[in-house]
Amino acid sequence: MTDQVNRFYRAIKLVDEMGNEGLIDMFVYHLTVEAGQDGATASDVNTCFISCDLNAPASIAAYLSRNSKGAKSKFVKAVKGYRLQRYYRELLSEQLGAERAVVDASAELRALEREFPEGLKKEFLKEALDCFETGANRAAVVMVWLLTLDHLFECVLQHHLSAFNFALAKNTDKRVSVSVISRRDDFGDMPESRFIELCRSANVISNDVRKILDEKLGTRNSCAHPSGVVIKRSKAIDFFEDLVTNVIQKYPI
């Protein structure tokens, strides 16, 4: 929760000018809209303050209760705490504006991260998403591409080595300087585009996934070399979701 609420806090426009009551409203928004909780309790909001290294006001419970009464109240009482009145939720959403899109995207991508088992790959993905959240879209794209290739290398070595080597034996591409794969380093002796083609020939991946990988390889190439191509957040998000969902998670090791 600490990472999520800090990302949300940093995305709030003019947050330093917002008083405790405004922050309580925002944290209820985060908990019930961004984090998807059924309701936000005073304890939940208190934890948000502490997670952001802020002094939590002592009056959170009283504020929530007081502002859940009346026709124009900010909150409605829920089974598990409080939720925002619809009109007020939409008002806060408008105030967050473009920053909300970044928060939403980060939340979705972090959800993908949480599905990874603990280990080096999860840490690598976490660093890639850290790059994305600081605006380093090119670096994040390159890192996720490397993570995807590493996953496919391991998938071939563990489950499809015979079929891959059979396809490799038919290779006529002179750019490939290896005839048999026996260890991970051997994959470095062929272009990435050729590796993708061989994965398809060996039925390691489907033709639809091959198309995804070919497209994403082009994006990676644009990011890995100095160019005038602008990599927007939306493109980076599409890149991450496609590779993580349609490649890494589709072909478990």
C-alpha atoms as a PDB file:
ATOM      1  CA  MET A   1       0.000   0.000   0.000  1.00  0.00           C
ATOM      2  CA  THR A   2       2.845   2.396   0.780  1.00  0.00           C
ATOM      3  CA  ASP A   3       4.088   2.540  -2.816  1.00  0.00           C
ATOM      4  CA  GLN A   4       0.594   2.945  -4.270  1.00  0.00           C
ATOM      5  CA  VAL A   5      -0.497   5.758  -1.999  1.00  0.00           C
ATOM      6  CA  ASN A   6       2.798   7.609  -2.454  1.00  0.00           C
ATOM      7  CA  ARG A   7       2.408   7.474  -6.238  1.00  0.00           C
ATOM      8  CA  PHE A   8      -1.116   8.816  -5.844  1.00  0.00           C
ATOM      9  CA  TYR A   9       0.015  11.567  -3.471  1.00  0.00           C
ATOM     10  CA  ARG A  10       2.734  12.715  -5.878  1.00  0.00           C
ATOM     11  CA  ALA A  11       0.174  12.951  -8.693  1.00  0.00           C
ATOM     12  CA  ILE A  12      -2.086  15.397  -6.821  1.00  0.00           C
ATOM     13  CA  LYS A  13      -1.843  18.878  -8.302  1.00  0.00           C
ATOM     14  CA  LEU A  14      -0.823  21.586  -5.791  1.00  0.00           C
ATOM     15  CA  VAL A  15      -0.758  19.023  -3.016  1.00  0.00           C
ATOM     16  CA  ASP A  16       1.414  21.247  -0.796  1.00  0.00           C
ATOM     17  CA  GLU A  17      -1.379  23.828  -0.732  1.00  0.00           C
ATOM     18  CA  MET A  18      -3.993  21.262   0.294  1.00  0.00           C
ATOM     19  CA  GLY A  19      -5.004  21.130   3.938  1.00  0.00           C
ATOM     20  CA  ASN A  20      -5.673  18.034   6.010  1.00  0.00           C
ATOM     21  CA  GLU A  21      -9.361  17.946   5.086  1.00  0.00           C
ATOM     22  CA  GLY A  22      -8.585  18.055   1.383  1.00  0.00           C
ATOM     23  CA  LEU A  23      -6.073  15.245   1.822  1.00  0.00           C
ATOM     24  CA  ILE A  24      -8.616  13.139   3.705  1.00  0.00           C
ATOM     25  CA  ASP A  25     -10.963  13.520   0.730  1.00  0.00           C
ATOM     26  CA  MET A  26      -8.195  12.560  -1.690  1.00  0.00           C
ATOM     27  CA  PHE A  27      -7.154   9.535   0.344  1.00  0.00           C
ATOM     28  CA  VAL A  28     -10.759   8.299   0.446  1.00  0.00           C
ATOM     29  CA  TYR A  29     -10.769   8.700  -3.345  1.00  0.00           C
ATOM     30  CA  HIS A  30      -7.548   6.695  -3.614  1.00  0.00           C
ATOM     31  CA  LEU A  31      -8.771   3.913  -1.353  1.00  0.00           C
ATOM     32  CA  THR A  32     -12.228   3.480  -2.881  1.00  0.00           C
ATOM     33  CA  VAL A  33     -11.615   4.414  -6.536  1.00  0.00           C
ATOM     34  CA  GLU A  34      -7.968   3.674  -7.284  1.00  0.00           C
ATOM     35  CA  ALA A  35      -7.420   0.791  -4.839  1.00  0.00           C
ATOM     36  CA  GLY A  36     -10.983  -0.534  -5.242  1.00  0.00           C
ATOM     37  CA  GLN A  37     -11.872  -0.943  -1.564  1.00  0.00           C
ATOM     38  CA  ASP A  38     -15.541  -1.247  -0.644  1.00  0.00           C
ATOM     39  CA  GLY A  39     -15.100   1.573   1.844  1.00  0.00           C
ATOM     40  CA  ALA A  40     -12.474   3.644   3.635  1.00  0.00           C
ATOM     41  CA  THR A  41     -12.256   3.718   7.423  1.00  0.00           C
ATOM     42  CA  ALA A  42     -10.618   6.391   9.544  1.00  0.00           C
ATOM     43  CA  SER A  43      -7.848   3.886  10.226  1.00  0.00           C
ATOM     44  CA  ASP A  44      -7.310   3.374   6.494  1.00  0.00           C
ATOM     45  CA  VAL A  45      -7.006   7.122   5.918  1.00  0.00           C
ATOM     46  CA  ASN A  46      -4.682   7.450   8.910  1.00  0.00           C
ATOM     47  CA  THR A  47      -2.431   4.800   7.349  1.00  0.00           C
ATOM     48  CA  CYS A  48      -2.331   6.815   4.104  1.00  0.00           C
ATOM     49  CA  PHE A  49      -1.046   9.869   5.966  1.00  0.00           C
ATOM     50  CA  ILE A  50       1.632   7.836   7.718  1.00  0.00           C
ATOM     51  CA  SER A  51       2.643   6.055   4.498  1.00  0.00           C
ATOM     52  CA  CYS A  52       3.254   9.473   2.884  1.00  0.00           C
ATOM     53  CA  ASP A  53       5.320  10.611   5.896  1.00  0.00           C
ATOM     54  CA  LEU A  54       2.638  13.103   6.940  1.00  0.00           C
ATOM     55  CA  ASN A  55       1.291  13.832  10.404  1.00  0.00           C
ATOM     56  CA  ALA A  56      -2.203  12.364  10.529  1.00  0.00           C
ATOM     57  CA  PRO A  57      -4.864  14.682  11.986  1.00  0.00           C
ATOM     58  CA  ALA A  58      -6.599  13.422  15.101  1.00  0.00           C
ATOM     59  CA  SER A  59     -10.040  14.317  13.772  1.00  0.00           C
ATOM     60  CA  ILE A  60     -10.289  11.923  10.788  1.00  0.00           C
ATOM     61  CA  ALA A  61     -13.145   9.839  12.232  1.00  0.00           C
ATOM     62  CA  ALA A  62     -15.127  12.924  13.278  1.00  0.00           C
ATOM     63  CA  TYR A  63     -14.559  14.585   9.867  1.00  0.00           C
ATOM     64  CA  LEU A  64     -15.774  11.527   7.959  1.00  0.00           C
ATOM     65  CA  SER A  65     -18.844  11.186  10.156  1.00  0.00           C
ATOM     66  CA  ARG A  66     -19.700  14.904  10.044  1.00  0.00           C
ATOM     67  CA  ASN A  67     -19.429  15.059   6.255  1.00  0.00           C
ATOM     68  CA  SER A  68     -21.603  12.002   5.660  1.00  0.00           C
ATOM     69  CA  LYS A  69     -24.747  13.859   6.785  1.00  0.00           C
ATOM     70  CA  GLY A  70     -26.970  16.142   4.767  1.00  0.00           C
ATOM     71  CA  ALA A  71     -28.065  16.429   1.145  1.00  0.00           C
ATOM     72  CA  LYS A  72     -24.709  17.815  -0.039  1.00  0.00           C
ATOM     73  CA  SER A  73     -22.480  15.599   2.059  1.00  0.00           C
ATOM     74  CA  LYS A  74     -19.135  14.446   0.692  1.00  0.00           C
ATOM     75  CA  PHE A  75     -19.362  10.840   1.861  1.00  0.00           C
ATOM     76  CA  VAL A  76     -21.876   8.033   2.165  1.00  0.00           C
ATOM     77  CA  LYS A  77     -21.670   5.448   4.919  1.00  0.00           C
ATOM     78  CA  ALA A  78     -20.778   2.020   3.585  1.00  0.00           C
ATOM     79  CA  VAL A  79     -20.581  -1.384   5.237  1.00  0.00           C
ATOM     80  CA  LYS A  80     -16.797  -1.103   5.473  1.00  0.00           C
ATOM     81  CA  GLY A  81     -16.315   2.597   6.126  1.00  0.00           C
ATOM     82  CA  TYR A  82     -17.098   5.498   3.813  1.00  0.00           C
ATOM     83  CA  ARG A  83     -17.374   6.099   0.087  1.00  0.00           C
ATOM     84  CA  LEU A  84     -17.555   9.345  -1.857  1.00  0.00           C
ATOM     85  CA  GLN A  85     -20.870  10.787  -2.982  1.00  0.00           C
ATOM     86  CA  ARG A  86     -21.076  10.408  -6.758  1.00  0.00           C
ATOM     87  CA  TYR A  87     -21.023  14.152  -7.477  1.00  0.00           C
ATOM     88  CA  TYR A  88     -18.005  14.656  -5.223  1.00  0.00           C
ATOM     89  CA  ARG A  89     -16.148  11.657  -6.638  1.00  0.00           C
ATOM     90  CA  GLU A  90     -16.557  13.078 -10.134  1.00  0.00           C
ATOM     91  CA  LEU A  91     -15.410  16.512  -8.937  1.00  0.00           C
ATOM     92  CA  LEU A  92     -12.226  15.058  -7.454  1.00  0.00           C
ATOM     93  CA  SER A  93     -11.656  13.065 -10.626  1.00  0.00           C
ATOM     94  CA  GLU A  94     -11.805  16.286 -12.663  1.00  0.00           C
ATOM     95  CA  GLN A  95      -9.401  17.993 -10.253  1.00  0.00           C
ATOM     96  CA  LEU A  96      -6.901  15.196 -10.659  1.00  0.00           C
ATOM     97  CA  GLY A  97      -7.185  15.619 -14.433  1.00  0.00           C
ATOM     98  CA  ALA A  98      -4.320  14.257 -16.552  1.00  0.00           C
ATOM     99  CA  GLU A  99      -2.433  13.194 -13.438  1.00  0.00           C
ATOM    100  CA  ARG A 100      -5.177  10.653 -12.738  1.00  0.00           C
ATOM    101  CA  ALA A 101      -4.422   8.887 -16.019  1.00  0.00           C
ATOM    102  CA  VAL A 102      -0.846   8.334 -14.868  1.00  0.00           C
ATOM    103  CA  VAL A 103      -2.031   7.051 -11.495  1.00  0.00           C
ATOM    104  CA  ASP A 104      -4.538   4.706 -13.143  1.00  0.00           C
ATOM    105  CA  ALA A 105      -1.920   3.390 -15.550  1.00  0.00           C
ATOM    106  CA  SER A 106       0.594   2.876 -12.772  1.00  0.00           C
ATOM    107  CA  ALA A 107      -1.987   1.020 -10.709  1.00  0.00           C
ATOM    108  CA  GLU A 108      -2.781  -1.311 -13.607  1.00  0.00           C
ATOM    109  CA  LEU A 109       0.876  -1.997 -14.293  1.00  0.00           C
ATOM    110  CA  ARG A 110       1.643  -2.582 -10.622  1.00  0.00           C
ATOM    111  CA  ALA A 111      -1.214  -5.096 -10.609  1.00  0.00           C
ATOM    112  CA  LEU A 112       0.683  -6.995 -13.305  1.00  0.00           C
ATOM    113  CA  GLU A 113       3.810  -6.806 -11.157  1.00  0.00           C
ATOM    114  CA  ARG A 114       1.994  -8.294  -8.155  1.00  0.00           C
ATOM    115  CA  GLU A 115       1.094 -11.372 -10.216  1.00  0.00           C
ATOM    116  CA  PHE A 116       4.777 -12.224 -10.645  1.00  0.00           C
ATOM    117  CA  PRO A 117       6.326 -14.704  -8.203  1.00  0.00           C
ATOM    118  CA  GLU A 118       8.996 -13.296  -5.930  1.00  0.00           C
ATOM    119  CA  GLY A 119      12.441 -13.326  -7.522  1.00  0.00           C
ATOM    120  CA  LEU A 120      14.793 -11.576  -9.898  1.00  0.00           C
ATOM    121  CA  LYS A 121      12.234 -11.141 -12.688  1.00  0.00           C
ATOM    122  CA  LYS A 122       9.799  -9.397 -10.381  1.00  0.00           C
ATOM    123  CA  GLU A 123      12.546  -7.066  -9.189  1.00  0.00           C
ATOM    124  CA  PHE A 124      13.533  -6.349 -12.793  1.00  0.00           C
ATOM    125  CA  LEU A 125       9.917  -5.538 -13.719  1.00  0.00           C
ATOM    126  CA  LYS A 126       9.612  -3.339 -10.629  1.00  0.00           C
ATOM    127  CA  GLU A 127      12.637  -1.304 -11.759  1.00  0.00           C
ATOM    128  CA  ALA A 128      11.153  -0.994 -15.250  1.00  0.00           C
ATOM    129  CA  LEU A 129       7.912   0.364 -13.804  1.00  0.00           C
ATOM    130  CA  ASP A 130       9.881   2.730 -11.588  1.00  0.00           C
ATOM    131  CA  CYS A 131      11.413   4.112 -14.787  1.00  0.00           C
ATOM    132  CA  PHE A 132       7.953   4.500 -16.326  1.00  0.00           C
ATOM    133  CA  GLU A 133       6.595   6.352 -13.314  1.00  0.00           C
ATOM    134  CA  THR A 134       9.451   8.851 -13.406  1.00  0.00           C
ATOM    135  CA  GLY A 135       8.844   9.518 -17.111  1.00  0.00           C
ATOM    136  CA  ALA A 136      11.756   7.454 -18.473  1.00  0.00           C
ATOM    137  CA  ASN A 137       9.558   5.680 -21.027  1.00  0.00           C
ATOM    138  CA  ARG A 138      12.393   4.608 -23.344  1.00  0.00           C
ATOM    139  CA  ALA A 139      14.343   2.960 -20.535  1.00  0.00           C
ATOM    140  CA  ALA A 140      11.228   1.186 -19.295  1.00  0.00           C
ATOM    141  CA  VAL A 141      10.428  -0.157 -22.775  1.00  0.00           C
ATOM    142  CA  VAL A 142      13.957  -1.514 -23.231  1.00  0.00           C
ATOM    143  CA  MET A 143      13.902  -3.184 -19.808  1.00  0.00           C
ATOM    144  CA  VAL A 144      10.531  -4.884 -20.358  1.00  0.00           C
ATOM    145  CA  TRP A 145      11.724  -6.118 -23.752  1.00  0.00           C
ATOM    146  CA  LEU A 146      14.820  -7.653 -22.157  1.00  0.00           C
ATOM    147  CA  LEU A 147      12.675  -9.255 -19.478  1.00  0.00           C
ATOM    148  CA  THR A 148      10.411 -10.767 -22.148  1.00  0.00           C
ATOM    149  CA  LEU A 149      13.316 -12.189 -24.148  1.00  0.00           C
ATOM    150  CA  ASP A 150      14.905 -13.625 -21.013  1.00  0.00           C
ATOM    151  CA  HIS A 151      11.594 -15.318 -20.213  1.00  0.00           C
ATOM    152  CA  LEU A 152      11.381 -16.834 -23.686  1.00  0.00           C
ATOM    153  CA  PHE A 153      15.000 -18.014 -23.503  1.00  0.00           C
ATOM    154  CA  GLU A 154      14.187 -19.849 -20.285  1.00  0.00           C
ATOM    155  CA  CYS A 155      10.946 -21.209 -21.742  1.00  0.00           C
ATOM    156  CA  VAL A 156      12.847 -22.699 -24.716  1.00  0.00           C
ATOM    157  CA  LEU A 157      15.590 -24.168 -22.523  1.00  0.00           C
ATOM    158  CA  GLN A 158      13.149 -25.801 -20.121  1.00  0.00           C
ATOM    159  CA  HIS A 159      10.317 -26.929 -22.391  1.00  0.00           C
ATOM    160  CA  HIS A 160      11.128 -26.703 -26.113  1.00  0.00           C
ATOM    161  CA  LEU A 161      14.853 -27.191 -26.570  1.00  0.00           C
ATOM    162  CA  SER A 162      14.628 -30.186 -28.936  1.00  0.00           C
ATOM    163  CA  ALA A 163      11.999 -28.536 -31.137  1.00  0.00           C
ATOM    164  CA  PHE A 164      13.924 -25.267 -31.207  1.00  0.00           C
ATOM    165  CA  ASN A 165      17.180 -26.967 -32.170  1.00  0.00           C
ATOM    166  CA  PHE A 166      15.338 -28.911 -34.876  1.00  0.00           C
ATOM    167  CA  ALA A 167      14.089 -25.622 -36.341  1.00  0.00           C
ATOM    168  CA  LEU A 168      17.521 -24.077 -35.919  1.00  0.00           C
ATOM    169  CA  ALA A 169      19.132 -26.925 -37.897  1.00  0.00           C
ATOM    170  CA  LYS A 170      17.144 -25.771 -40.945  1.00  0.00           C
ATOM    171  CA  ASN A 171      18.392 -22.195 -40.639  1.00  0.00           C
ATOM    172  CA  THR A 172      19.991 -20.576 -43.703  1.00  0.00           C
ATOM    173  CA  ASP A 173      20.350 -17.082 -42.269  1.00  0.00           C
ATOM    174  CA  LYS A 174      24.069 -16.257 -42.180  1.00  0.00           C
ATOM    175  CA  ARG A 175      23.513 -13.829 -39.328  1.00  0.00           C
ATOM    176  CA  VAL A 176      23.005 -16.820 -37.060  1.00  0.00           C
ATOM    177  CA  SER A 177      26.383 -18.078 -35.873  1.00  0.00           C
ATOM    178  CA  VAL A 178      25.220 -20.969 -33.696  1.00  0.00           C
ATOM    179  CA  SER A 179      23.935 -24.356 -34.845  1.00  0.00           C
ATOM    180  CA  VAL A 180      22.799 -25.860 -31.521  1.00  0.00           C
ATOM    181  CA  ILE A 181      21.449 -24.179 -28.398  1.00  0.00           C
ATOM    182  CA  SER A 182      22.737 -25.712 -25.184  1.00  0.00           C
ATOM    183  CA  ARG A 183      22.852 -22.753 -22.784  1.00  0.00           C
ATOM    184  CA  ARG A 184      21.375 -19.279 -22.383  1.00  0.00           C
ATOM    185  CA  ASP A 185      24.402 -17.449 -23.812  1.00  0.00           C
ATOM    186  CA  ASP A 186      23.965 -19.252 -27.143  1.00  0.00           C
ATOM    187  CA  PHE A 187      20.883 -17.159 -27.893  1.00  0.00           C
ATOM    188  CA  GLY A 188      23.158 -14.139 -28.198  1.00  0.00           C
ATOM    189  CA  ASP A 189      24.551 -15.559 -31.444  1.00  0.00           C
ATOM    190  CA  MET A 190      21.413 -14.762 -33.436  1.00  0.00           C
ATOM    191  CA  PRO A 191      19.436 -11.578 -34.135  1.00  0.00           C
ATOM    192  CA  GLU A 192      16.366 -11.118 -31.972  1.00  0.00           C
ATOM    193  CA  SER A 193      14.132 -11.074 -35.048  1.00  0.00           C
ATOM    194  CA  ARG A 194      15.481 -14.478 -36.075  1.00  0.00           C
ATOM    195  CA  PHE A 195      14.999 -15.849 -32.566  1.00  0.00           C
ATOM    196  CA  ILE A 196      11.329 -14.848 -32.770  1.00  0.00           C
ATOM    197  CA  GLU A 197      10.952 -16.594 -36.148  1.00  0.00           C
ATOM    198  CA  LEU A 198      12.556 -19.763 -34.812  1.00  0.00           C
ATOM    199  CA  CYS A 199      10.263 -19.717 -31.777  1.00  0.00           C
ATOM    200  CA  ARG A 200       7.309 -19.658 -34.150  1.00  0.00           C
ATOM    201  CA  SER A 201       8.773 -22.443 -36.352  1.00  0.00           C
ATOM    202  CA  ALA A 202       9.309 -24.595 -33.256  1.00  0.00           C
ATOM    203  CA  ASN A 203       5.754 -23.893 -32.023  1.00  0.00           C
ATOM    204  CA  VAL A 204       7.077 -22.263 -28.890  1.00  0.00           C
ATOM    205  CA  ILE A 205       4.745 -19.320 -29.583  1.00  0.00           C
ATOM    206  CA  SER A 206       1.643 -18.831 -31.716  1.00  0.00           C
ATOM    207  CA  ASN A 207       1.567 -16.789 -34.889  1.00  0.00           C
ATOM    208  CA  ASP A 208      -0.429 -14.055 -33.154  1.00  0.00           C
ATOM    209  CA  VAL A 209       2.240 -13.775 -30.467  1.00  0.00           C
ATOM    210  CA  ARG A 210       4.923 -13.657 -33.171  1.00  0.00           C
ATOM    211  CA  LYS A 211       3.154 -10.644 -34.659  1.00  0.00           C
ATOM    212  CA  ILE A 212       3.067  -8.968 -31.256  1.00  0.00           C
ATOM    213  CA  LEU A 213       6.781  -9.605 -30.732  1.00  0.00           C
ATOM    214  CA  ASP A 214       7.702  -8.310 -34.183  1.00  0.00           C
ATOM    215  CA  GLU A 215       5.750  -5.115 -33.569  1.00  0.00           C
ATOM    216  CA  LYS A 216       7.230  -4.617 -30.098  1.00  0.00           C
ATOM    217  CA  LEU A 217      10.740  -5.266 -31.403  1.00  0.00           C
ATOM    218  CA  GLY A 218      10.267  -2.284 -33.707  1.00  0.00           C
ATOM    219  CA  THR A 219       9.241  -0.147 -30.722  1.00  0.00           C
ATOM    220  CA  ARG A 220      12.215  -1.376 -28.719  1.00  0.00           C
ATOM    221  CA  ASN A 221      14.559  -0.482 -31.610  1.00  0.00           C
ATOM    222  CA  SER A 222      13.150   3.043 -31.670  1.00  0.00           C
ATOM    223  CA  CYS A 223      13.771   3.350 -27.928  1.00  0.00           C
ATOM    224  CA  ALA A 224      17.239   1.805 -27.845  1.00  0.00           C
ATOM    225  CA  HIS A 225      18.833   4.252 -30.273  1.00  0.00           C
ATOM    226  CA  PRO A 226      18.894   8.070 -30.412  1.00  0.00           C
ATOM    227  CA  SER A 227      16.017   9.193 -32.608  1.00  0.00           C
ATOM    228  CA  GLY A 228      13.347  11.829 -32.911  1.00  0.00           C
ATOM    229  CA  VAL A 229      10.594   9.328 -32.131  1.00  0.00           C
ATOM    230  CA  VAL A 230       8.559  10.327 -29.065  1.00  0.00           C
ATOM    231  CA  ILE A 231       7.514   7.451 -26.824  1.00  0.00           C
ATOM    232  CA  LYS A 232       4.354   8.563 -25.070  1.00  0.00           C
ATOM    233  CA  ARG A 233       3.066   6.995 -21.871  1.00  0.00           C
ATOM    234  CA  SER A 234       0.155   5.434 -23.747  1.00  0.00           C
ATOM    235  CA  LYS A 235       2.559   3.616 -26.074  1.00  0.00           C
ATOM    236  CA  ALA A 236       4.668   2.420 -23.149  1.00  0.00           C
ATOM    237  CA  ILE A 237       1.573   1.124 -21.357  1.00  0.00           C
ATOM    238  CA  ASP A 238       0.462  -0.775 -24.461  1.00  0.00           C
ATOM    239  CA  PHE A 239       3.989  -2.203 -24.773  1.00  0.00           C
ATOM    240  CA  PHE A 240       4.068  -3.446 -21.167  1.00  0.00           C
ATOM    241  CA  GLU A 241       0.587  -4.910 -21.106  1.00  0.00           C
ATOM    242  CA  ASP A 242       0.986  -6.712 -24.424  1.00  0.00           C
ATOM    243  CA  LEU A 243       4.279  -8.362 -23.517  1.00  0.00           C
ATOM    244  CA  VAL A 244       3.490  -9.191 -19.899  1.00  0.00           C
ATOM    245  CA  THR A 245      -0.048 -10.455 -20.552  1.00  0.00           C
ATOM    246  CA  ASN A 246       0.339 -12.065 -23.971  1.00  0.00           C
ATOM    247  CA  VAL A 247       3.858 -13.447 -23.686  1.00  0.00           C
ATOM    248  CA  ILE A 248       5.258 -13.748 -20.169  1.00  0.00           C
ATOM    249  CA  GLN A 249       2.054 -14.830 -18.461  1.00  0.00           C
ATOM    250  CA  LYS A 250       0.818 -16.864 -21.426  1.00  0.00           C
ATOM    251  CA  TYR A 251       3.927 -19.062 -21.495  1.00  0.00           C
ATOM    252  CA  PRO A 252       4.745 -19.915 -17.873  1.00  0.00           C
ATOM    253  CA  ILE A 253       8.004 -21.593 -16.989  1.00  0.00           C
END
